Amino acid sequence: MVQEIGTKPPSLTEQQLKKLLLEAIDNADDEDNPETFHALFDHPERGLDTNDTIHGLERTWKFERPPIFNRDFWQWK
């Protein structure tokens, strides 16, 4: 279902997104955060561990392509 009403929120900048992700990592509580469990244990076949992911997030990075707003899920991708 496409949401056609409402004001489309602005997308986050690279800096805002990185800040949000790093705050989430800093505030993650393994017992209360199901995403932490998922990130730590749900995909070992990818050959990445948590330290690899954190290292990548802490480096300087920028969007590979401009964000695209998905009206079906009312979110930025």
Protein backbone atom coordinates (compact mmCIF):
# COMPACT_ATOMS: atom_id res chain seq x y z
CA MET A 1 0.00 0.00 0.00
CA VAL A 2 1.41 3.38 -0.96
CA GLN A 3 1.08 6.18 1.55
CA GLU A 4 0.18 9.24 -0.46
CA ILE A 5 -0.54 11.79 2.25
CA GLY A 6 1.72 13.43 4.74
CA THR A 7 4.93 15.35 4.52
CA LYS A 8 7.91 13.37 3.30
CA PRO A 9 10.64 13.68 5.95
CA PRO A 10 14.04 14.92 4.80
CA SER A 11 16.72 12.28 4.32
CA LEU A 12 19.64 12.15 6.71
CA THR A 13 23.02 13.40 5.56
CA GLU A 14 26.04 11.07 5.66
CA GLN A 15 27.15 12.75 8.89
CA GLN A 16 23.72 12.47 10.54
CA LEU A 17 23.38 8.81 9.59
CA LYS A 18 26.88 7.98 10.82
CA LYS A 19 26.19 9.78 14.14
CA LEU A 20 22.92 7.85 14.55
CA LEU A 21 24.62 4.50 13.85
CA LEU A 22 27.55 5.16 16.20
CA GLU A 23 25.16 6.25 18.98
CA ALA A 24 23.19 3.03 18.47
CA ILE A 25 26.39 1.00 18.79
CA ASP A 26 27.44 2.88 21.93
CA ASN A 27 24.00 2.47 23.51
CA ALA A 28 23.44 -1.15 22.52
CA ASP A 29 22.48 -3.42 25.40
CA ASP A 30 22.82 -7.03 24.29
CA GLU A 31 19.91 -8.22 26.44
CA ASP A 32 17.42 -5.53 25.50
CA ASN A 33 18.25 -5.02 21.84
CA PRO A 34 17.19 -7.79 19.43
CA GLU A 35 19.08 -6.08 16.57
CA THR A 36 22.34 -6.50 18.49
CA PHE A 37 21.73 -10.25 18.80
CA HIS A 38 20.85 -10.42 15.11
CA ALA A 39 23.99 -8.53 14.12
CA LEU A 40 26.23 -10.64 16.35
CA PHE A 41 24.94 -14.12 15.65
CA ASP A 42 22.48 -14.37 12.77
CA HIS A 43 24.78 -14.32 9.72
CA PRO A 44 28.11 -16.04 10.37
CA GLU A 45 28.19 -17.26 6.74
CA ARG A 46 29.09 -13.72 5.61
CA GLY A 47 32.51 -13.97 7.22
CA LEU A 48 32.19 -10.64 9.02
CA ASP A 49 32.41 -10.15 12.74
CA THR A 50 31.21 -7.24 14.85
CA ASN A 51 34.67 -5.66 14.95
CA ASP A 52 34.76 -5.59 11.12
CA THR A 53 31.40 -3.82 11.03
CA ILE A 54 32.31 -1.27 13.69
CA HIS A 55 35.62 -0.56 11.97
CA GLY A 56 33.80 0.13 8.70
CA LEU A 57 31.25 2.40 10.36
CA GLU A 58 33.92 4.41 12.17
CA ARG A 59 35.85 5.18 8.98
CA THR A 60 35.12 8.13 6.72
CA TRP A 61 32.40 7.16 4.29
CA LYS A 62 29.77 8.68 2.05
CA PHE A 63 26.67 7.58 0.20
CA GLU A 64 27.31 5.43 -2.83
CA ARG A 65 24.23 6.95 -4.47
CA PRO A 66 21.65 9.57 -3.44
CA PRO A 67 19.00 8.39 -0.95
CA ILE A 68 15.69 7.33 -2.54
CA PHE A 69 12.38 7.72 -0.73
CA ASN A 70 10.24 4.56 -0.76
CA ARG A 71 6.57 5.56 -0.50
CA ASP A 72 5.46 1.94 -0.01
CA PHE A 73 7.30 1.76 3.32
CA TRP A 74 7.44 5.55 3.94
CA GLN A 75 11.18 5.49 4.51
CA TRP A 76 14.45 6.47 2.93
CA LYS A 77 16.68 3.85 1.34
